[in-house]
Amino acid sequence: MQNILEIEGLTKTYAGGFTALAGVDLAIRKGEIFALLGPNGAGKTTLIGAVCGLVRPGSGTIRAFGEDMGRHWRTLRRRIGLVPQELSTDMFETVLATVNYSRGLFGLAPDAAKVEDVLRALSLWDKRHESLRALSGGMKRRVLIAKALAHDPELLFLDEPTAGVDVELRRDMWRQIAALRDRGTTIILTTHYIEEAEEMADRVGIIQAGTIRVVEETRTIMAHLGRTEAHFTLGYPLAEVPEALAAFPVQLAEDGRELVYRGGDGAGQGKAQVAALAKAMVLAGVEFTAINMRESSLEEIFVTLLDSPAGQGEAA
């Protein structure tokens, strides 16, 4: 698949000595939704700023649409949209005027039909004559997205797009973002909501201390790093794990009244092992009255990857 953005060896150290980017290598595929995850201060916003021309990197190269951003920044920047974290716009302007003005900033002629299409897609058309200060937090964030879409970008950055909005509105915005991808826009989003990445992203990248630690298909991360956890409620307490079950990754809990299985790296492996464990328990005469089983979430995997020395330095 063709790459729309290629970043190699990107570094940035601020005047105070803080290194925000320490040699970032990253390639974004055309037409995908890519989620960039990482703790505060990991370098997410600095990376976005470097691509969008808001931050001057110390070294490295950025190629967008097959061309060097350093040489052709003005023409390439017109093809990129940015929705920042902060609500930085004139609160006394109307929605319509704000979006029209944003389009003009990129040197484009007024296009009432295009702006109407953007506002309708984001459920803002009925609010077009209202001032921004009269809107809810979620609606203001939609206006930021509308501003970014006004010049019809091919590559769109969303920096914490659903921060501070309620769950219902967040899911509605997920649908809006998915619709943008369906229309051909490549989307890179940063988020603290792990379920957001798990729900929407084709691939996930994890950045820590200015370095990309992992880049992988979301499904593959869940398949290869996901773990199954199963709790067997026992019919009677056990003093120790029976020898017949010693081959399984299990341990006793709740004063011997529960047998806990944790394992199963790989797609489907955990469920198969739990089934084998249940069969072994029956054959060994270990009674159980209930099984509670669940899969690890992407959030748990994310924490594991950051905490694991083995995960350090994995190629993007």
C-alpha atoms as a PDB file:
ATOM      1  CA  MET A   1       0.000   0.000   0.000  1.00  0.00           C
ATOM      2  CA  GLN A   2       1.246   3.485  -0.876  1.00  0.00           C
ATOM      3  CA  ASN A   3       2.590   5.648   1.943  1.00  0.00           C
ATOM      4  CA  ILE A   4       1.182   9.159   2.217  1.00  0.00           C
ATOM      5  CA  LEU A   5       3.642  10.238   4.933  1.00  0.00           C
ATOM      6  CA  GLU A   6       7.191   9.057   5.651  1.00  0.00           C
ATOM      7  CA  ILE A   7       9.226  10.308   8.614  1.00  0.00           C
ATOM      8  CA  GLU A   8      12.863   9.320   9.120  1.00  0.00           C
ATOM      9  CA  GLY A   9      15.246  10.143  11.963  1.00  0.00           C
ATOM     10  CA  LEU A  10      13.177  13.079  13.239  1.00  0.00           C
ATOM     11  CA  THR A  11      14.574  14.807  16.331  1.00  0.00           C
ATOM     12  CA  LYS A  12      13.592  17.821  18.400  1.00  0.00           C
ATOM     13  CA  THR A  13      15.262  19.179  21.518  1.00  0.00           C
ATOM     14  CA  TYR A  14      13.789  22.340  23.035  1.00  0.00           C
ATOM     15  CA  ALA A  15      15.853  25.251  24.375  1.00  0.00           C
ATOM     16  CA  GLY A  16      15.528  24.040  27.953  1.00  0.00           C
ATOM     17  CA  GLY A  17      17.201  20.756  27.033  1.00  0.00           C
ATOM     18  CA  PHE A  18      14.077  18.587  26.879  1.00  0.00           C
ATOM     19  CA  THR A  19      14.238  16.051  24.038  1.00  0.00           C
ATOM     20  CA  ALA A  20      10.734  15.637  22.656  1.00  0.00           C
ATOM     21  CA  LEU A  21      11.667  13.545  19.612  1.00  0.00           C
ATOM     22  CA  ALA A  22      14.656  11.211  19.645  1.00  0.00           C
ATOM     23  CA  GLY A  23      14.922   9.825  16.125  1.00  0.00           C
ATOM     24  CA  VAL A  24      11.354   9.028  15.060  1.00  0.00           C
ATOM     25  CA  ASP A  25      10.814   6.734  12.066  1.00  0.00           C
ATOM     26  CA  LEU A  26       7.221   6.348  10.941  1.00  0.00           C
ATOM     27  CA  ALA A  27       5.316   5.599   7.735  1.00  0.00           C
ATOM     28  CA  ILE A  28       1.591   6.257   7.319  1.00  0.00           C
ATOM     29  CA  ARG A  29      -0.377   4.436   4.645  1.00  0.00           C
ATOM     30  CA  LYS A  30      -2.740   6.254   2.343  1.00  0.00           C
ATOM     31  CA  GLY A  31      -6.374   5.877   3.386  1.00  0.00           C
ATOM     32  CA  GLU A  32      -5.824   4.460   6.885  1.00  0.00           C
ATOM     33  CA  ILE A  33      -6.767   5.617  10.363  1.00  0.00           C
ATOM     34  CA  PHE A  34      -3.599   5.566  12.451  1.00  0.00           C
ATOM     35  CA  ALA A  35      -3.743   6.006  16.225  1.00  0.00           C
ATOM     36  CA  LEU A  36      -0.685   7.403  17.978  1.00  0.00           C
ATOM     37  CA  LEU A  37      -0.702   6.509  21.660  1.00  0.00           C
ATOM     38  CA  GLY A  38       1.582   7.536  24.457  1.00  0.00           C
ATOM     39  CA  PRO A  39       1.697   9.157  27.898  1.00  0.00           C
ATOM     40  CA  ASN A  40       1.841  12.927  28.408  1.00  0.00           C
ATOM     41  CA  GLY A  41       5.169  14.310  27.254  1.00  0.00           C
ATOM     42  CA  ALA A  42       5.881  11.339  24.988  1.00  0.00           C
ATOM     43  CA  GLY A  43       6.213  13.538  21.883  1.00  0.00           C
ATOM     44  CA  LYS A  44       2.838  13.122  20.178  1.00  0.00           C
ATOM     45  CA  THR A  45       1.985  16.804  19.794  1.00  0.00           C
ATOM     46  CA  THR A  46       5.563  17.748  18.875  1.00  0.00           C
ATOM     47  CA  LEU A  47       5.537  15.140  16.124  1.00  0.00           C
ATOM     48  CA  ILE A  48       2.284  16.506  14.714  1.00  0.00           C
ATOM     49  CA  GLY A  49       3.610  20.061  14.975  1.00  0.00           C
ATOM     50  CA  ALA A  50       6.745  19.108  13.020  1.00  0.00           C
ATOM     51  CA  VAL A  51       4.694  17.700  10.146  1.00  0.00           C
ATOM     52  CA  CYS A  52       2.296  20.662  10.136  1.00  0.00           C
ATOM     53  CA  GLY A  53       5.046  23.279  10.219  1.00  0.00           C
ATOM     54  CA  LEU A  54       4.392  24.473  13.755  1.00  0.00           C
ATOM     55  CA  VAL A  55       7.618  23.014  15.171  1.00  0.00           C
ATOM     56  CA  ARG A  56      11.041  23.115  13.519  1.00  0.00           C
ATOM     57  CA  PRO A  57      12.758  19.747  14.002  1.00  0.00           C
ATOM     58  CA  GLY A  58      16.457  19.482  14.801  1.00  0.00           C
ATOM     59  CA  SER A  59      17.180  16.826  12.199  1.00  0.00           C
ATOM     60  CA  GLY A  60      15.523  14.184  10.062  1.00  0.00           C
ATOM     61  CA  THR A  61      13.292  14.223   7.002  1.00  0.00           C
ATOM     62  CA  ILE A  62       9.543  14.389   6.413  1.00  0.00           C
ATOM     63  CA  ARG A  63       8.095  13.317   3.082  1.00  0.00           C
ATOM     64  CA  ALA A  64       4.401  13.885   2.379  1.00  0.00           C
ATOM     65  CA  PHE A  65       2.670  12.755  -0.804  1.00  0.00           C
ATOM     66  CA  GLY A  66       6.063  11.604  -2.063  1.00  0.00           C
ATOM     67  CA  GLU A  67       7.732  15.030  -1.723  1.00  0.00           C
ATOM     68  CA  ASP A  68      10.152  16.586   0.763  1.00  0.00           C
ATOM     69  CA  MET A  69       8.256  18.795   3.225  1.00  0.00           C
ATOM     70  CA  GLY A  70      11.372  20.863   3.851  1.00  0.00           C
ATOM     71  CA  ARG A  71      11.579  21.903   0.207  1.00  0.00           C
ATOM     72  CA  HIS A  72       7.907  22.142  -0.702  1.00  0.00           C
ATOM     73  CA  TRP A  73       6.292  23.081   2.599  1.00  0.00           C
ATOM     74  CA  ARG A  74       3.892  25.737   1.299  1.00  0.00           C
ATOM     75  CA  THR A  75       2.297  23.591  -1.380  1.00  0.00           C
ATOM     76  CA  LEU A  76       2.218  20.402   0.692  1.00  0.00           C
ATOM     77  CA  ARG A  77       0.793  22.083   3.800  1.00  0.00           C
ATOM     78  CA  ARG A  78      -2.351  22.940   1.835  1.00  0.00           C
ATOM     79  CA  ARG A  79      -3.046  19.225   1.541  1.00  0.00           C
ATOM     80  CA  ILE A  80      -2.846  18.674   5.321  1.00  0.00           C
ATOM     81  CA  GLY A  81      -5.485  19.446   7.940  1.00  0.00           C
ATOM     82  CA  LEU A  82      -4.973  19.831  11.689  1.00  0.00           C
ATOM     83  CA  VAL A  83      -7.448  19.714  14.548  1.00  0.00           C
ATOM     84  CA  PRO A  84      -5.467  20.901  17.601  1.00  0.00           C
ATOM     85  CA  GLN A  85      -6.079  20.018  21.232  1.00  0.00           C
ATOM     86  CA  GLU A  86      -6.825  23.579  22.249  1.00  0.00           C
ATOM     87  CA  LEU A  87      -9.895  25.569  21.205  1.00  0.00           C
ATOM     88  CA  SER A  88      -8.005  28.427  19.551  1.00  0.00           C
ATOM     89  CA  THR A  89     -10.526  30.506  17.612  1.00  0.00           C
ATOM     90  CA  ASP A  90     -12.576  33.704  17.923  1.00  0.00           C
ATOM     91  CA  MET A  91     -15.442  32.896  20.283  1.00  0.00           C
ATOM     92  CA  PHE A  92     -17.511  35.821  18.990  1.00  0.00           C
ATOM     93  CA  GLU A  93     -17.483  34.693  15.352  1.00  0.00           C
ATOM     94  CA  THR A  94     -20.265  32.566  13.907  1.00  0.00           C
ATOM     95  CA  VAL A  95     -19.664  28.983  12.894  1.00  0.00           C
ATOM     96  CA  LEU A  96     -20.111  29.828   9.218  1.00  0.00           C
ATOM     97  CA  ALA A  97     -17.718  32.794   9.288  1.00  0.00           C
ATOM     98  CA  THR A  98     -15.098  30.766  11.157  1.00  0.00           C
ATOM     99  CA  VAL A  99     -15.091  27.939   8.634  1.00  0.00           C
ATOM    100  CA  ASN A 100     -15.140  30.298   5.652  1.00  0.00           C
ATOM    101  CA  TYR A 101     -12.187  32.214   7.081  1.00  0.00           C
ATOM    102  CA  SER A 102     -10.208  29.003   7.618  1.00  0.00           C
ATOM    103  CA  ARG A 103     -10.708  28.091   3.967  1.00  0.00           C
ATOM    104  CA  GLY A 104      -9.428  31.510   2.919  1.00  0.00           C
ATOM    105  CA  LEU A 105      -6.256  31.076   4.974  1.00  0.00           C
ATOM    106  CA  PHE A 106      -5.163  28.422   2.486  1.00  0.00           C
ATOM    107  CA  GLY A 107      -5.674  30.751  -0.433  1.00  0.00           C
ATOM    108  CA  LEU A 108      -8.827  29.067  -1.661  1.00  0.00           C
ATOM    109  CA  ALA A 109     -11.761  30.903  -3.207  1.00  0.00           C
ATOM    110  CA  PRO A 110     -15.065  30.955  -1.321  1.00  0.00           C
ATOM    111  CA  ASP A 111     -17.135  27.832  -1.908  1.00  0.00           C
ATOM    112  CA  ALA A 112     -20.527  27.948  -0.208  1.00  0.00           C
ATOM    113  CA  ALA A 113     -21.455  24.448  -1.364  1.00  0.00           C
ATOM    114  CA  LYS A 114     -18.242  22.927   0.009  1.00  0.00           C
ATOM    115  CA  VAL A 115     -18.614  24.644   3.381  1.00  0.00           C
ATOM    116  CA  GLU A 116     -22.253  23.593   3.606  1.00  0.00           C
ATOM    117  CA  ASP A 117     -21.251  20.002   2.875  1.00  0.00           C
ATOM    118  CA  VAL A 118     -18.651  20.060   5.662  1.00  0.00           C
ATOM    119  CA  LEU A 119     -21.049  21.604   8.187  1.00  0.00           C
ATOM    120  CA  ARG A 120     -23.827  19.168   7.349  1.00  0.00           C
ATOM    121  CA  ALA A 121     -21.463  16.204   7.629  1.00  0.00           C
ATOM    122  CA  LEU A 122     -20.572  17.318  11.161  1.00  0.00           C
ATOM    123  CA  SER A 123     -24.175  18.143  12.151  1.00  0.00           C
ATOM    124  CA  LEU A 124     -23.294  21.847  12.377  1.00  0.00           C
ATOM    125  CA  TRP A 125     -25.458  23.287   9.610  1.00  0.00           C
ATOM    126  CA  ASP A 126     -28.289  24.212  11.963  1.00  0.00           C
ATOM    127  CA  LYS A 127     -25.738  26.018  14.166  1.00  0.00           C
ATOM    128  CA  ARG A 128     -24.087  27.954  11.318  1.00  0.00           C
ATOM    129  CA  HIS A 129     -25.319  31.387  12.439  1.00  0.00           C
ATOM    130  CA  GLU A 130     -24.539  30.886  16.131  1.00  0.00           C
ATOM    131  CA  SER A 131     -21.422  32.329  17.738  1.00  0.00           C
ATOM    132  CA  LEU A 132     -18.869  29.850  19.004  1.00  0.00           C
ATOM    133  CA  ARG A 133     -19.247  31.016  22.593  1.00  0.00           C
ATOM    134  CA  ALA A 134     -22.870  29.797  22.548  1.00  0.00           C
ATOM    135  CA  LEU A 135     -21.908  26.241  21.601  1.00  0.00           C
ATOM    136  CA  SER A 136     -21.291  23.272  23.886  1.00  0.00           C
ATOM    137  CA  GLY A 137     -17.781  21.908  24.269  1.00  0.00           C
ATOM    138  CA  GLY A 138     -18.521  19.032  21.923  1.00  0.00           C
ATOM    139  CA  MET A 139     -19.925  21.339  19.245  1.00  0.00           C
ATOM    140  CA  LYS A 140     -16.883  23.618  19.516  1.00  0.00           C
ATOM    141  CA  ARG A 141     -14.672  20.626  18.883  1.00  0.00           C
ATOM    142  CA  ARG A 142     -16.728  19.802  15.801  1.00  0.00           C
ATOM    143  CA  VAL A 143     -16.111  23.343  14.582  1.00  0.00           C
ATOM    144  CA  LEU A 144     -12.373  22.700  14.880  1.00  0.00           C
ATOM    145  CA  ILE A 145     -12.805  19.652  12.672  1.00  0.00           C
ATOM    146  CA  ALA A 146     -14.878  21.683  10.213  1.00  0.00           C
ATOM    147  CA  LYS A 147     -12.124  24.320  10.043  1.00  0.00           C
ATOM    148  CA  ALA A 148      -9.563  21.623   9.300  1.00  0.00           C
ATOM    149  CA  LEU A 149     -11.738  20.169   6.551  1.00  0.00           C
ATOM    150  CA  ALA A 150     -12.617  23.478   4.897  1.00  0.00           C
ATOM    151  CA  HIS A 151      -9.694  23.239   2.451  1.00  0.00           C
ATOM    152  CA  ASP A 152     -10.403  19.562   1.690  1.00  0.00           C
ATOM    153  CA  PRO A 153      -7.172  18.017   3.067  1.00  0.00           C
ATOM    154  CA  GLU A 154      -5.971  14.590   2.010  1.00  0.00           C
ATOM    155  CA  LEU A 155      -4.156  14.009   5.316  1.00  0.00           C
ATOM    156  CA  LEU A 156      -5.856  14.995   8.577  1.00  0.00           C
ATOM    157  CA  PHE A 157      -4.300  15.185  12.053  1.00  0.00           C
ATOM    158  CA  LEU A 158      -6.635  14.955  15.037  1.00  0.00           C
ATOM    159  CA  ASP A 159      -4.875  15.798  18.300  1.00  0.00           C
ATOM    160  CA  GLU A 160      -7.094  14.460  21.103  1.00  0.00           C
ATOM    161  CA  PRO A 161     -10.267  14.993  19.024  1.00  0.00           C
ATOM    162  CA  THR A 162     -12.735  13.835  21.679  1.00  0.00           C
ATOM    163  CA  ALA A 163     -11.063  15.212  24.810  1.00  0.00           C
ATOM    164  CA  GLY A 164     -13.597  16.619  27.239  1.00  0.00           C
ATOM    165  CA  VAL A 165     -16.742  15.371  25.520  1.00  0.00           C
ATOM    166  CA  ASP A 166     -19.223  12.875  26.921  1.00  0.00           C
ATOM    167  CA  VAL A 167     -19.348   9.225  25.888  1.00  0.00           C
ATOM    168  CA  GLU A 168     -22.376   9.596  23.617  1.00  0.00           C
ATOM    169  CA  LEU A 169     -20.899  12.510  21.701  1.00  0.00           C
ATOM    170  CA  ARG A 170     -17.530  10.749  21.548  1.00  0.00           C
ATOM    171  CA  ARG A 171     -19.070   7.773  19.788  1.00  0.00           C
ATOM    172  CA  ASP A 172     -20.918  10.088  17.429  1.00  0.00           C
ATOM    173  CA  MET A 173     -17.626  11.742  16.535  1.00  0.00           C
ATOM    174  CA  TRP A 174     -16.084   8.318  15.944  1.00  0.00           C
ATOM    175  CA  ARG A 175     -18.731   7.765  13.303  1.00  0.00           C
ATOM    176  CA  GLN A 176     -17.936  11.142  11.763  1.00  0.00           C
ATOM    177  CA  ILE A 177     -14.223  10.324  11.646  1.00  0.00           C
ATOM    178  CA  ALA A 178     -14.901   6.917  10.083  1.00  0.00           C
ATOM    179  CA  ALA A 179     -17.046   8.649   7.459  1.00  0.00           C
ATOM    180  CA  LEU A 180     -14.121  10.943   6.600  1.00  0.00           C
ATOM    181  CA  ARG A 181     -11.894   7.928   6.037  1.00  0.00           C
ATOM    182  CA  ASP A 182     -14.580   6.391   3.829  1.00  0.00           C
ATOM    183  CA  ARG A 183     -14.431   9.555   1.710  1.00  0.00           C
ATOM    184  CA  GLY A 184     -10.691   9.027   1.164  1.00  0.00           C
ATOM    185  CA  THR A 185      -9.084  11.101   3.933  1.00  0.00           C
ATOM    186  CA  THR A 186      -6.073   9.606   5.697  1.00  0.00           C
ATOM    187  CA  ILE A 187      -6.363  10.238   9.444  1.00  0.00           C
ATOM    188  CA  ILE A 188      -3.762  10.312  12.201  1.00  0.00           C
ATOM    189  CA  LEU A 189      -5.166  10.758  15.678  1.00  0.00           C
ATOM    190  CA  THR A 190      -3.670  11.003  19.120  1.00  0.00           C
ATOM    191  CA  THR A 191      -5.820   9.937  22.014  1.00  0.00           C
ATOM    192  CA  HIS A 192      -5.816   9.017  25.685  1.00  0.00           C
ATOM    193  CA  TYR A 193      -8.923   6.893  25.157  1.00  0.00           C
ATOM    194  CA  ILE A 194      -7.557   3.448  24.412  1.00  0.00           C
ATOM    195  CA  GLU A 195     -10.986   2.201  23.364  1.00  0.00           C
ATOM    196  CA  GLU A 196     -10.985   4.935  20.726  1.00  0.00           C
ATOM    197  CA  ALA A 197      -7.935   3.422  19.065  1.00  0.00           C
ATOM    198  CA  GLU A 198      -9.244  -0.096  19.508  1.00  0.00           C
ATOM    199  CA  GLU A 199     -12.587   0.839  17.931  1.00  0.00           C
ATOM    200  CA  MET A 200     -11.378   2.967  15.015  1.00  0.00           C
ATOM    201  CA  ALA A 201      -7.731   2.528  14.103  1.00  0.00           C
ATOM    202  CA  ASP A 202      -6.378   0.280  11.376  1.00  0.00           C
ATOM    203  CA  ARG A 203      -2.954   0.481  12.991  1.00  0.00           C
ATOM    204  CA  VAL A 204      -1.602   1.645  16.330  1.00  0.00           C
ATOM    205  CA  GLY A 205       1.724   3.287  17.096  1.00  0.00           C
ATOM    206  CA  ILE A 206       3.061   3.687  20.612  1.00  0.00           C
ATOM    207  CA  ILE A 207       5.483   6.506  21.370  1.00  0.00           C
ATOM    208  CA  GLN A 208       7.412   6.939  24.604  1.00  0.00           C
ATOM    209  CA  ALA A 209      10.189   9.382  25.444  1.00  0.00           C
ATOM    210  CA  GLY A 210      10.283  10.631  21.860  1.00  0.00           C
ATOM    211  CA  THR A 211      10.763   7.188  20.342  1.00  0.00           C
ATOM    212  CA  ILE A 212       8.315   4.975  18.469  1.00  0.00           C
ATOM    213  CA  ARG A 213       8.225   1.743  20.454  1.00  0.00           C
ATOM    214  CA  VAL A 214       5.712  -0.290  18.472  1.00  0.00           C
ATOM    215  CA  VAL A 215       3.762   0.051  15.224  1.00  0.00           C
ATOM    216  CA  GLU A 216       1.355  -2.737  14.425  1.00  0.00           C
ATOM    217  CA  GLU A 217      -2.053  -3.582  13.013  1.00  0.00           C
ATOM    218  CA  THR A 218      -4.627  -3.181  15.776  1.00  0.00           C
ATOM    219  CA  ARG A 219      -5.944  -6.699  15.204  1.00  0.00           C
ATOM    220  CA  THR A 220      -2.432  -8.130  15.263  1.00  0.00           C
ATOM    221  CA  ILE A 221      -1.614  -6.439  18.564  1.00  0.00           C
ATOM    222  CA  MET A 222      -4.749  -7.948  20.059  1.00  0.00           C
ATOM    223  CA  ALA A 223      -4.007 -11.338  18.536  1.00  0.00           C
ATOM    224  CA  HIS A 224      -0.327 -11.668  19.364  1.00  0.00           C
ATOM    225  CA  LEU A 225      -0.099  -9.696  22.584  1.00  0.00           C
ATOM    226  CA  GLY A 226      -3.594 -10.148  23.927  1.00  0.00           C
ATOM    227  CA  ARG A 227      -3.975 -12.503  26.850  1.00  0.00           C
ATOM    228  CA  THR A 228      -6.898 -14.517  28.103  1.00  0.00           C
ATOM    229  CA  GLU A 229      -7.835 -14.507  31.775  1.00  0.00           C
ATOM    230  CA  ALA A 230     -10.189 -17.145  33.173  1.00  0.00           C
ATOM    231  CA  HIS A 231     -11.412 -17.527  36.756  1.00  0.00           C
ATOM    232  CA  PHE A 232     -12.727 -20.946  37.772  1.00  0.00           C
ATOM    233  CA  THR A 233     -14.907 -20.919  40.892  1.00  0.00           C
ATOM    234  CA  LEU A 234     -14.051 -24.191  42.616  1.00  0.00           C
ATOM    235  CA  GLY A 235     -16.533 -26.539  44.247  1.00  0.00           C
ATOM    236  CA  TYR A 236     -14.244 -26.797  47.277  1.00  0.00           C
ATOM    237  CA  PRO A 237     -11.034 -25.033  48.381  1.00  0.00           C
ATOM    238  CA  LEU A 238      -7.658 -26.381  47.281  1.00  0.00           C
ATOM    239  CA  ALA A 239      -4.447 -26.141  49.285  1.00  0.00           C
ATOM    240  CA  GLU A 240      -2.289 -26.238  46.135  1.00  0.00           C
ATOM    241  CA  VAL A 241      -2.571 -26.581  42.371  1.00  0.00           C
ATOM    242  CA  PRO A 242      -3.030 -30.287  41.523  1.00  0.00           C
ATOM    243  CA  GLU A 243      -0.108 -31.901  39.709  1.00  0.00           C
ATOM    244  CA  ALA A 244      -2.404 -32.743  36.783  1.00  0.00           C
ATOM    245  CA  LEU A 245      -2.796 -29.002  36.133  1.00  0.00           C
ATOM    246  CA  ALA A 246       0.855 -28.037  36.608  1.00  0.00           C
ATOM    247  CA  ALA A 247       1.418 -27.643  32.844  1.00  0.00           C
ATOM    248  CA  PHE A 248      -1.081 -24.767  32.678  1.00  0.00           C
ATOM    249  CA  PRO A 249      -0.295 -21.135  33.695  1.00  0.00           C
ATOM    250  CA  VAL A 250      -2.629 -21.184  36.692  1.00  0.00           C
ATOM    251  CA  GLN A 251      -2.579 -20.155  40.336  1.00  0.00           C
ATOM    252  CA  LEU A 252      -4.954 -20.303  43.259  1.00  0.00           C
ATOM    253  CA  ALA A 253      -6.767 -17.248  44.595  1.00  0.00           C
ATOM    254  CA  GLU A 254      -9.438 -16.365  47.138  1.00  0.00           C
ATOM    255  CA  ASP A 255      -7.940 -18.713  49.746  1.00  0.00           C
ATOM    256  CA  GLY A 256      -7.967 -21.648  47.347  1.00  0.00           C
ATOM    257  CA  ARG A 257     -11.589 -21.191  46.293  1.00  0.00           C
ATOM    258  CA  GLU A 258     -10.652 -19.931  42.814  1.00  0.00           C
ATOM    259  CA  LEU A 259      -8.295 -21.149  40.105  1.00  0.00           C
ATOM    260  CA  VAL A 260      -7.022 -18.355  37.849  1.00  0.00           C
ATOM    261  CA  TYR A 261      -5.637 -18.906  34.365  1.00  0.00           C
ATOM    262  CA  ARG A 262      -3.594 -16.164  32.637  1.00  0.00           C
ATOM    263  CA  GLY A 263      -1.986 -16.868  29.298  1.00  0.00           C
ATOM    264  CA  GLY A 264      -2.717 -17.552  25.685  1.00  0.00           C
ATOM    265  CA  ASP A 265      -0.517 -15.326  23.551  1.00  0.00           C
ATOM    266  CA  GLY A 266      -1.761 -15.509  19.991  1.00  0.00           C
ATOM    267  CA  ALA A 267      -5.143 -15.411  18.295  1.00  0.00           C
ATOM    268  CA  GLY A 268      -7.547 -17.945  19.757  1.00  0.00           C
ATOM    269  CA  GLN A 269      -4.851 -19.728  21.749  1.00  0.00           C
ATOM    270  CA  GLY A 270      -6.110 -18.577  25.128  1.00  0.00           C
ATOM    271  CA  LYS A 271      -9.663 -19.823  24.614  1.00  0.00           C
ATOM    272  CA  ALA A 272      -8.358 -23.165  23.379  1.00  0.00           C
ATOM    273  CA  GLN A 273      -6.129 -23.499  26.451  1.00  0.00           C
ATOM    274  CA  VAL A 274      -8.999 -22.642  28.780  1.00  0.00           C
ATOM    275  CA  ALA A 275     -11.071 -25.387  27.149  1.00  0.00           C
ATOM    276  CA  ALA A 276      -8.176 -27.830  27.577  1.00  0.00           C
ATOM    277  CA  LEU A 277      -7.770 -26.734  31.190  1.00  0.00           C
ATOM    278  CA  ALA A 278     -11.452 -27.320  31.911  1.00  0.00           C
ATOM    279  CA  LYS A 279     -11.196 -30.805  30.429  1.00  0.00           C
ATOM    280  CA  ALA A 280      -8.087 -31.540  32.506  1.00  0.00           C
ATOM    281  CA  MET A 281      -9.871 -30.385  35.658  1.00  0.00           C
ATOM    282  CA  VAL A 282     -12.777 -32.727  35.001  1.00  0.00           C
ATOM    283  CA  LEU A 283     -10.411 -35.652  34.376  1.00  0.00           C
ATOM    284  CA  ALA A 284      -8.509 -34.819  37.583  1.00  0.00           C
ATOM    285  CA  GLY A 285     -11.730 -34.662  39.581  1.00  0.00           C
ATOM    286  CA  VAL A 286     -11.389 -30.929  40.336  1.00  0.00           C
ATOM    287  CA  GLU A 287     -14.924 -29.595  40.622  1.00  0.00           C
ATOM    288  CA  PHE A 288     -15.830 -26.078  39.501  1.00  0.00           C
ATOM    289  CA  THR A 289     -19.154 -24.292  39.494  1.00  0.00           C
ATOM    290  CA  ALA A 290     -18.492 -21.303  37.233  1.00  0.00           C
ATOM    291  CA  ILE A 291     -16.039 -19.856  34.691  1.00  0.00           C
ATOM    292  CA  ASN A 292     -15.515 -16.141  34.183  1.00  0.00           C
ATOM    293  CA  MET A 293     -13.334 -15.446  31.124  1.00  0.00           C
ATOM    294  CA  ARG A 294     -12.212 -12.226  29.423  1.00  0.00           C
ATOM    295  CA  GLU A 295      -9.615 -10.972  26.929  1.00  0.00           C
ATOM    296  CA  SER A 296      -7.073  -8.250  27.669  1.00  0.00           C
ATOM    297  CA  SER A 297      -7.982  -4.800  26.374  1.00  0.00           C
ATOM    298  CA  LEU A 298      -5.671  -2.690  24.238  1.00  0.00           C
ATOM    299  CA  GLU A 299      -5.149  -0.466  27.295  1.00  0.00           C
ATOM    300  CA  GLU A 300      -3.709  -3.378  29.278  1.00  0.00           C
ATOM    301  CA  ILE A 301      -1.510  -4.337  26.330  1.00  0.00           C
ATOM    302  CA  PHE A 302      -0.368  -0.717  26.021  1.00  0.00           C
ATOM    303  CA  VAL A 303       0.695  -0.604  29.672  1.00  0.00           C
ATOM    304  CA  THR A 304       2.447  -3.965  29.333  1.00  0.00           C
ATOM    305  CA  LEU A 305       4.402  -2.828  26.283  1.00  0.00           C
ATOM    306  CA  LEU A 306       5.598   0.351  27.979  1.00  0.00           C
ATOM    307  CA  ASP A 307       6.597  -1.497  31.132  1.00  0.00           C
ATOM    308  CA  SER A 308       8.351  -4.337  29.322  1.00  0.00           C
ATOM    309  CA  PRO A 309      12.105  -3.945  28.611  1.00  0.00           C
ATOM    310  CA  ALA A 310      11.609  -6.407  25.743  1.00  0.00           C
ATOM    311  CA  GLY A 311       9.333  -3.929  24.029  1.00  0.00           C
ATOM    312  CA  GLN A 312      11.946  -1.191  23.909  1.00  0.00           C
ATOM    313  CA  GLY A 313      13.405  -0.318  20.575  1.00  0.00           C
ATOM    314  CA  GLU A 314      10.968  -2.293  18.435  1.00  0.00           C
ATOM    315  CA  ALA A 315      10.971  -1.087  14.853  1.00  0.00           C
ATOM    316  CA  ALA A 316       8.235   1.105  13.508  1.00  0.00           C
END
